[in-house]
Every structure is written in C-alpha cells, then in structure tokens.
Amino acid sequence: MEIVVRLDVMLATRKMKSRELADRIGISEPNLSLLKSGKVKGVRFETLAKICDVLECQPGDLLEAVPS
C-alpha cells in the first residue's frame, strides 16, 4: 500500500491557495509544498488537525491508501 496525499484536490475544492493555508496553520510554504507532493515521511497529528480545521474536512479527505 502507498499513501497518496490529496491536499491539492482539497485546496482546489475550497478555492484556497497554498500560501493562505500555510499562513493559517503556521507552517512554511516550502514545507506545505513538500507535504502536498507527498515527499514527506510523516506528518504530525497536530498539523493534520490544523489542516482539517481550516479546510473543514476529515483526514480521510486528504490521505488515501492505494495499492502500490
């Protein structure tokens, strides 16, 4: 299984720019970009909770397990 990050889809759905989300959750834009691209090994639950709060979504809306 591989975990795919669908943050870009949720941002588009919410019509929000990465910069705005980064500012609202308190992380740098480059770090958010790495998360968006799936190039990170993990994400803190605190960060995930902040993203979900701002985007008004559930973690399952952002992360998807797909067969590798």
N, C-alpha and C. Protein backbone atom coordinates (compact mmCIF):
# COMPACT_ATOMS: atom_id res chain seq x y z
N MET A 1 0.84 -1.20 0.00
CA MET A 1 0.00 0.00 0.00
C MET A 1 0.88 1.25 0.00
N GLU A 2 0.37 2.23 -0.64
CA GLU A 2 1.02 3.54 -0.69
C GLU A 2 0.01 4.58 -0.25
N ILE A 3 0.46 5.56 0.52
CA ILE A 3 -0.41 6.65 0.96
C ILE A 3 -0.23 7.83 0.00
N VAL A 4 -1.33 8.26 -0.59
CA VAL A 4 -1.31 9.39 -1.53
C VAL A 4 -1.96 10.58 -0.85
N VAL A 5 -1.29 11.73 -0.94
CA VAL A 5 -1.79 12.97 -0.33
C VAL A 5 -2.65 13.69 -1.35
N ARG A 6 -3.88 13.99 -0.99
CA ARG A 6 -4.84 14.67 -1.86
C ARG A 6 -5.09 16.12 -1.43
N LEU A 7 -4.09 16.72 -0.81
CA LEU A 7 -4.23 18.09 -0.32
C LEU A 7 -4.48 19.07 -1.46
N ASP A 8 -3.84 18.87 -2.60
CA ASP A 8 -4.04 19.78 -3.73
C ASP A 8 -5.49 19.77 -4.21
N VAL A 9 -6.12 18.59 -4.18
CA VAL A 9 -7.53 18.48 -4.58
C VAL A 9 -8.42 19.26 -3.61
N MET A 10 -8.14 19.10 -2.31
CA MET A 10 -8.96 19.78 -1.30
C MET A 10 -8.75 21.30 -1.38
N LEU A 11 -7.54 21.75 -1.62
CA LEU A 11 -7.29 23.18 -1.78
C LEU A 11 -8.07 23.73 -2.98
N ALA A 12 -8.07 23.00 -4.09
CA ALA A 12 -8.81 23.44 -5.27
C ALA A 12 -10.31 23.48 -4.99
N THR A 13 -10.80 22.47 -4.29
CA THR A 13 -12.22 22.42 -3.95
C THR A 13 -12.61 23.60 -3.09
N ARG A 14 -11.75 23.97 -2.16
CA ARG A 14 -12.02 25.08 -1.24
C ARG A 14 -11.62 26.43 -1.82
N LYS A 15 -11.07 26.42 -3.05
CA LYS A 15 -10.60 27.64 -3.71
C LYS A 15 -9.65 28.43 -2.83
N MET A 16 -8.67 27.71 -2.28
CA MET A 16 -7.69 28.32 -1.38
C MET A 16 -6.29 28.09 -1.94
N LYS A 17 -5.44 29.09 -1.82
CA LYS A 17 -4.05 28.99 -2.25
C LYS A 17 -3.21 28.35 -1.16
N SER A 18 -2.14 27.69 -1.56
CA SER A 18 -1.22 27.07 -0.61
C SER A 18 -0.68 28.08 0.38
N ARG A 19 -0.38 29.27 -0.09
CA ARG A 19 0.18 30.31 0.77
C ARG A 19 -0.79 30.66 1.90
N GLU A 20 -2.07 30.77 1.58
CA GLU A 20 -3.07 31.09 2.60
C GLU A 20 -3.16 29.98 3.64
N LEU A 21 -3.18 28.73 3.18
CA LEU A 21 -3.25 27.61 4.12
C LEU A 21 -2.02 27.58 5.01
N ALA A 22 -0.85 27.75 4.41
CA ALA A 22 0.41 27.75 5.18
C ALA A 22 0.37 28.82 6.26
N ASP A 23 -0.08 30.02 5.91
CA ASP A 23 -0.18 31.12 6.89
C ASP A 23 -1.16 30.77 8.01
N ARG A 24 -2.29 30.18 7.65
CA ARG A 24 -3.33 29.92 8.64
C ARG A 24 -2.99 28.77 9.59
N ILE A 25 -2.16 27.82 9.13
CA ILE A 25 -1.80 26.71 10.02
C ILE A 25 -0.42 26.88 10.64
N GLY A 26 0.30 27.92 10.22
CA GLY A 26 1.58 28.24 10.86
C GLY A 26 2.76 27.40 10.42
N ILE A 27 2.80 26.98 9.15
CA ILE A 27 3.99 26.31 8.64
C ILE A 27 4.47 27.06 7.40
N SER A 28 5.71 26.79 7.00
CA SER A 28 6.25 27.50 5.84
C SER A 28 5.64 26.95 4.55
N GLU A 29 5.62 27.78 3.55
CA GLU A 29 5.09 27.37 2.25
C GLU A 29 5.90 26.22 1.64
N PRO A 30 7.24 26.25 1.74
CA PRO A 30 8.01 25.10 1.23
C PRO A 30 7.66 23.78 1.93
N ASN A 31 7.44 23.82 3.25
CA ASN A 31 7.07 22.60 3.97
C ASN A 31 5.68 22.11 3.54
N LEU A 32 4.76 23.03 3.33
CA LEU A 32 3.44 22.65 2.86
C LEU A 32 3.53 22.05 1.45
N SER A 33 4.39 22.60 0.63
CA SER A 33 4.59 22.08 -0.72
C SER A 33 5.12 20.64 -0.69
N LEU A 34 6.05 20.38 0.22
CA LEU A 34 6.57 19.01 0.37
C LEU A 34 5.47 18.06 0.80
N LEU A 35 4.64 18.51 1.71
CA LEU A 35 3.52 17.68 2.18
C LEU A 35 2.54 17.43 1.04
N LYS A 36 2.24 18.48 0.30
CA LYS A 36 1.31 18.39 -0.83
C LYS A 36 1.78 17.39 -1.88
N SER A 37 3.08 17.37 -2.11
CA SER A 37 3.63 16.49 -3.14
C SER A 37 3.83 15.06 -2.64
N GLY A 38 3.65 14.85 -1.34
CA GLY A 38 3.83 13.51 -0.78
C GLY A 38 5.27 13.13 -0.55
N LYS A 39 6.17 14.11 -0.56
CA LYS A 39 7.60 13.85 -0.40
C LYS A 39 8.05 13.88 1.05
N VAL A 40 7.14 13.68 1.97
CA VAL A 40 7.49 13.63 3.39
C VAL A 40 7.27 12.22 3.90
N LYS A 41 8.00 11.87 4.94
CA LYS A 41 7.87 10.53 5.53
C LYS A 41 6.73 10.46 6.53
N GLY A 42 6.30 11.61 7.03
CA GLY A 42 5.23 11.63 8.02
C GLY A 42 4.71 13.03 8.22
N VAL A 43 3.62 13.11 8.97
CA VAL A 43 3.02 14.41 9.29
C VAL A 43 2.53 14.32 10.73
N ARG A 44 2.74 15.38 11.48
CA ARG A 44 2.28 15.42 12.87
C ARG A 44 0.76 15.48 12.90
N PHE A 45 0.18 14.78 13.86
CA PHE A 45 -1.28 14.83 14.00
C PHE A 45 -1.74 16.26 14.25
N GLU A 46 -0.94 17.03 14.96
CA GLU A 46 -1.30 18.43 15.24
C GLU A 46 -1.42 19.22 13.93
N THR A 47 -0.47 19.01 13.02
CA THR A 47 -0.51 19.70 11.72
C THR A 47 -1.70 19.22 10.90
N LEU A 48 -1.93 17.92 10.89
CA LEU A 48 -3.06 17.35 10.16
C LEU A 48 -4.38 17.90 10.71
N ALA A 49 -4.48 18.01 12.01
CA ALA A 49 -5.70 18.55 12.64
C ALA A 49 -5.91 20.01 12.24
N LYS A 50 -4.84 20.80 12.19
CA LYS A 50 -4.96 22.21 11.80
C LYS A 50 -5.42 22.32 10.35
N ILE A 51 -4.85 21.49 9.48
CA ILE A 51 -5.25 21.50 8.07
C ILE A 51 -6.73 21.16 7.95
N CYS A 52 -7.15 20.11 8.65
CA CYS A 52 -8.55 19.70 8.60
C CYS A 52 -9.47 20.78 9.14
N ASP A 53 -9.03 21.48 10.19
CA ASP A 53 -9.84 22.55 10.77
C ASP A 53 -10.03 23.68 9.76
N VAL A 54 -8.94 24.11 9.14
CA VAL A 54 -9.01 25.23 8.19
C VAL A 54 -9.80 24.84 6.94
N LEU A 55 -9.59 23.63 6.45
CA LEU A 55 -10.26 23.19 5.22
C LEU A 55 -11.63 22.56 5.47
N GLU A 56 -11.99 22.46 6.76
CA GLU A 56 -13.28 21.87 7.15
C GLU A 56 -13.46 20.50 6.49
N CYS A 57 -12.52 19.60 6.79
CA CYS A 57 -12.57 18.27 6.21
C CYS A 57 -12.08 17.25 7.23
N GLN A 58 -12.05 16.01 6.84
CA GLN A 58 -11.57 14.91 7.67
C GLN A 58 -10.22 14.44 7.12
N PRO A 59 -9.38 13.80 7.95
CA PRO A 59 -8.10 13.28 7.46
C PRO A 59 -8.25 12.38 6.23
N GLY A 60 -9.32 11.60 6.19
CA GLY A 60 -9.55 10.72 5.05
C GLY A 60 -9.81 11.46 3.75
N ASP A 61 -10.16 12.74 3.84
CA ASP A 61 -10.34 13.56 2.64
C ASP A 61 -8.99 13.96 2.05
N LEU A 62 -7.94 13.92 2.88
CA LEU A 62 -6.61 14.36 2.48
C LEU A 62 -5.66 13.22 2.15
N LEU A 63 -5.89 12.07 2.76
CA LEU A 63 -4.99 10.92 2.60
C LEU A 63 -5.76 9.74 2.05
N GLU A 64 -5.14 9.03 1.10
CA GLU A 64 -5.79 7.86 0.50
C GLU A 64 -4.77 6.74 0.39
N ALA A 65 -5.16 5.54 0.78
CA ALA A 65 -4.31 4.37 0.63
C ALA A 65 -4.64 3.70 -0.70
N VAL A 66 -3.61 3.53 -1.53
CA VAL A 66 -3.80 2.89 -2.83
C VAL A 66 -2.80 1.75 -2.99
N PRO A 67 -3.18 0.71 -3.69
CA PRO A 67 -2.24 -0.40 -3.91
C PRO A 67 -0.99 0.09 -4.67
N SER A 68 0.18 -0.40 -4.28
CA SER A 68 1.41 0.04 -4.95
C SER A 68 1.74 -0.81 -6.15
